[in-house]
């Protein structure tokens, strides 16, 4: 199965406490159907001091379900769904359904 959202894609969060936040996908958790988006779903983690480093409160991104993000259209910057099509040379590529522009390099 080809992934609709991949690491490095620009997405916008469509639901939850981070609705409207745009960011880059930092990590894709395929088995859990979740993605980590830069600047979205921020949580605070309380760390105990250890030999590796000092303790304190660390803020980081938590995973979001993949259904709560939409790809950003490279042409006009608005949210769009993703489709798949085959090119003349036989490659399967992703494209923005809003504009028809190919997303894969």
C-alpha atoms as a PDB file:
ATOM      1  CA  UNK A   1       0.000   0.000   0.000  1.00  0.00           C
ATOM      2  CA  UNK A   2       1.350   3.386  -0.940  1.00  0.00           C
ATOM      3  CA  UNK A   3       1.320   6.041   1.767  1.00  0.00           C
ATOM      4  CA  UNK A   4      -0.688   9.190   1.097  1.00  0.00           C
ATOM      5  CA  UNK A   5       1.286  11.185   3.676  1.00  0.00           C
ATOM      6  CA  UNK A   6       5.052  10.821   3.894  1.00  0.00           C
ATOM      7  CA  UNK A   7       7.877  12.316   5.921  1.00  0.00           C
ATOM      8  CA  UNK A   8       8.714  15.833   4.731  1.00  0.00           C
ATOM      9  CA  UNK A   9       5.235  16.629   3.364  1.00  0.00           C
ATOM     10  CA  UNK A  10       3.576  19.960   4.222  1.00  0.00           C
ATOM     11  CA  UNK A  11       0.227  19.319   5.936  1.00  0.00           C
ATOM     12  CA  UNK A  12      -2.494  21.195   7.830  1.00  0.00           C
ATOM     13  CA  UNK A  13      -4.257  19.805  10.920  1.00  0.00           C
ATOM     14  CA  UNK A  14      -8.031  19.615  10.361  1.00  0.00           C
ATOM     15  CA  UNK A  15      -9.286  18.470  13.781  1.00  0.00           C
ATOM     16  CA  UNK A  16      -8.376  18.541  17.461  1.00  0.00           C
ATOM     17  CA  UNK A  17      -6.747  21.125  19.684  1.00  0.00           C
ATOM     18  CA  UNK A  18      -4.174  22.001  16.992  1.00  0.00           C
ATOM     19  CA  UNK A  19      -6.753  22.605  14.239  1.00  0.00           C
ATOM     20  CA  UNK A  20      -5.427  24.963  11.571  1.00  0.00           C
ATOM     21  CA  UNK A  21      -1.736  24.435  12.346  1.00  0.00           C
ATOM     22  CA  UNK A  22       0.449  23.973   9.268  1.00  0.00           C
ATOM     23  CA  UNK A  23       3.717  22.094   9.501  1.00  0.00           C
ATOM     24  CA  UNK A  24       6.063  19.494   8.107  1.00  0.00           C
ATOM     25  CA  UNK A  25       5.607  15.784   8.808  1.00  0.00           C
ATOM     26  CA  UNK A  26       8.531  14.760  11.032  1.00  0.00           C
ATOM     27  CA  UNK A  27       7.689  11.085  11.447  1.00  0.00           C
ATOM     28  CA  UNK A  28       5.152   8.576  10.109  1.00  0.00           C
ATOM     29  CA  UNK A  29       4.052   5.717  12.378  1.00  0.00           C
ATOM     30  CA  UNK A  30       2.692   3.302   9.767  1.00  0.00           C
ATOM     31  CA  UNK A  31       1.462   0.522  12.093  1.00  0.00           C
ATOM     32  CA  UNK A  32      -0.464   2.985  14.276  1.00  0.00           C
ATOM     33  CA  UNK A  33      -1.730   5.112  11.325  1.00  0.00           C
ATOM     34  CA  UNK A  34      -0.355   8.265  12.961  1.00  0.00           C
ATOM     35  CA  UNK A  35       1.921  11.142  11.990  1.00  0.00           C
ATOM     36  CA  UNK A  36       4.010  13.625  13.966  1.00  0.00           C
ATOM     37  CA  UNK A  37       3.600  17.185  12.652  1.00  0.00           C
ATOM     38  CA  UNK A  38       6.028  19.985  13.508  1.00  0.00           C
ATOM     39  CA  UNK A  39       4.394  22.473  15.914  1.00  0.00           C
ATOM     40  CA  UNK A  40       1.132  20.526  16.307  1.00  0.00           C
ATOM     41  CA  UNK A  41      -0.296  18.540  19.257  1.00  0.00           C
ATOM     42  CA  UNK A  42       2.324  19.885  21.679  1.00  0.00           C
ATOM     43  CA  UNK A  43       2.579  18.038  24.992  1.00  0.00           C
ATOM     44  CA  UNK A  44       4.763  18.494  28.046  1.00  0.00           C
ATOM     45  CA  UNK A  45       6.925  15.642  29.287  1.00  0.00           C
ATOM     46  CA  UNK A  46       8.311  15.761  32.840  1.00  0.00           C
ATOM     47  CA  UNK A  47      11.784  14.189  32.883  1.00  0.00           C
ATOM     48  CA  UNK A  48      13.630  13.019  35.953  1.00  0.00           C
ATOM     49  CA  UNK A  49      17.342  13.945  36.194  1.00  0.00           C
ATOM     50  CA  UNK A  50      19.664  11.132  35.140  1.00  0.00           C
ATOM     51  CA  UNK A  51      23.274  10.511  34.212  1.00  0.00           C
ATOM     52  CA  UNK A  52      22.458  11.400  30.584  1.00  0.00           C
ATOM     53  CA  UNK A  53      21.118  14.838  31.338  1.00  0.00           C
ATOM     54  CA  UNK A  54      19.328  17.247  33.598  1.00  0.00           C
ATOM     55  CA  UNK A  55      15.663  16.853  34.347  1.00  0.00           C
ATOM     56  CA  UNK A  56      12.957  19.326  33.583  1.00  0.00           C
ATOM     57  CA  UNK A  57       9.845  19.876  31.536  1.00  0.00           C
ATOM     58  CA  UNK A  58      10.299  19.134  27.842  1.00  0.00           C
ATOM     59  CA  UNK A  59       7.769  20.223  25.219  1.00  0.00           C
ATOM     60  CA  UNK A  60       7.399  18.071  22.112  1.00  0.00           C
ATOM     61  CA  UNK A  61       4.958  16.955  19.430  1.00  0.00           C
ATOM     62  CA  UNK A  62       2.643  13.988  20.005  1.00  0.00           C
ATOM     63  CA  UNK A  63       1.363  11.780  17.164  1.00  0.00           C
ATOM     64  CA  UNK A  64      -1.886  12.687  15.383  1.00  0.00           C
ATOM     65  CA  UNK A  65      -4.159  10.266  13.552  1.00  0.00           C
ATOM     66  CA  UNK A  66      -3.537  10.451   9.803  1.00  0.00           C
ATOM     67  CA  UNK A  67      -7.238  11.209   9.159  1.00  0.00           C
ATOM     68  CA  UNK A  68      -6.842  14.537  10.999  1.00  0.00           C
ATOM     69  CA  UNK A  69      -4.340  16.011   8.541  1.00  0.00           C
ATOM     70  CA  UNK A  70      -4.642  17.117   4.910  1.00  0.00           C
ATOM     71  CA  UNK A  71      -1.853  17.716   2.427  1.00  0.00           C
ATOM     72  CA  UNK A  72      -1.203  21.331   1.376  1.00  0.00           C
ATOM     73  CA  UNK A  73      -1.601  21.927  -2.359  1.00  0.00           C
ATOM     74  CA  UNK A  74       1.774  23.068  -3.782  1.00  0.00           C
ATOM     75  CA  UNK A  75       0.003  25.377  -6.254  1.00  0.00           C
ATOM     76  CA  UNK A  76      -2.243  27.510  -4.024  1.00  0.00           C
ATOM     77  CA  UNK A  77      -1.374  26.526  -0.438  1.00  0.00           C
ATOM     78  CA  UNK A  78      -4.851  25.264   0.470  1.00  0.00           C
ATOM     79  CA  UNK A  79      -5.733  21.816   1.894  1.00  0.00           C
ATOM     80  CA  UNK A  80      -6.264  19.077  -0.677  1.00  0.00           C
ATOM     81  CA  UNK A  81      -6.840  15.367  -0.858  1.00  0.00           C
ATOM     82  CA  UNK A  82      -4.290  13.054  -2.454  1.00  0.00           C
ATOM     83  CA  UNK A  83      -4.787  10.754  -5.433  1.00  0.00           C
ATOM     84  CA  UNK A  84      -2.584   8.285  -7.254  1.00  0.00           C
ATOM     85  CA  UNK A  85      -1.970   7.932 -10.974  1.00  0.00           C
ATOM     86  CA  UNK A  86       0.480   6.245 -13.300  1.00  0.00           C
ATOM     87  CA  UNK A  87       2.739   8.271 -15.576  1.00  0.00           C
ATOM     88  CA  UNK A  88       3.668   7.319 -19.146  1.00  0.00           C
ATOM     89  CA  UNK A  89       6.943   5.790 -17.937  1.00  0.00           C
ATOM     90  CA  UNK A  90       5.019   3.475 -15.565  1.00  0.00           C
ATOM     91  CA  UNK A  91       5.783   5.270 -12.290  1.00  0.00           C
ATOM     92  CA  UNK A  92       3.002   5.545  -9.700  1.00  0.00           C
ATOM     93  CA  UNK A  93       2.916   9.084  -8.284  1.00  0.00           C
ATOM     94  CA  UNK A  94       0.810  11.107  -5.859  1.00  0.00           C
ATOM     95  CA  UNK A  95      -1.046  14.159  -7.098  1.00  0.00           C
ATOM     96  CA  UNK A  96      -3.130  16.932  -5.528  1.00  0.00           C
ATOM     97  CA  UNK A  97      -6.796  16.422  -6.367  1.00  0.00           C
ATOM     98  CA  UNK A  98      -7.444  20.169  -6.032  1.00  0.00           C
ATOM     99  CA  UNK A  99      -5.031  21.300  -8.769  1.00  0.00           C
ATOM    100  CA  UNK A 100      -3.885  18.057 -10.403  1.00  0.00           C
ATOM    101  CA  UNK A 101      -0.243  18.903  -9.714  1.00  0.00           C
ATOM    102  CA  UNK A 102       2.145  15.999  -9.101  1.00  0.00           C
ATOM    103  CA  UNK A 103       3.531  15.958  -5.547  1.00  0.00           C
ATOM    104  CA  UNK A 104       6.251  13.299  -5.846  1.00  0.00           C
ATOM    105  CA  UNK A 105       9.602  14.387  -7.160  1.00  0.00           C
END
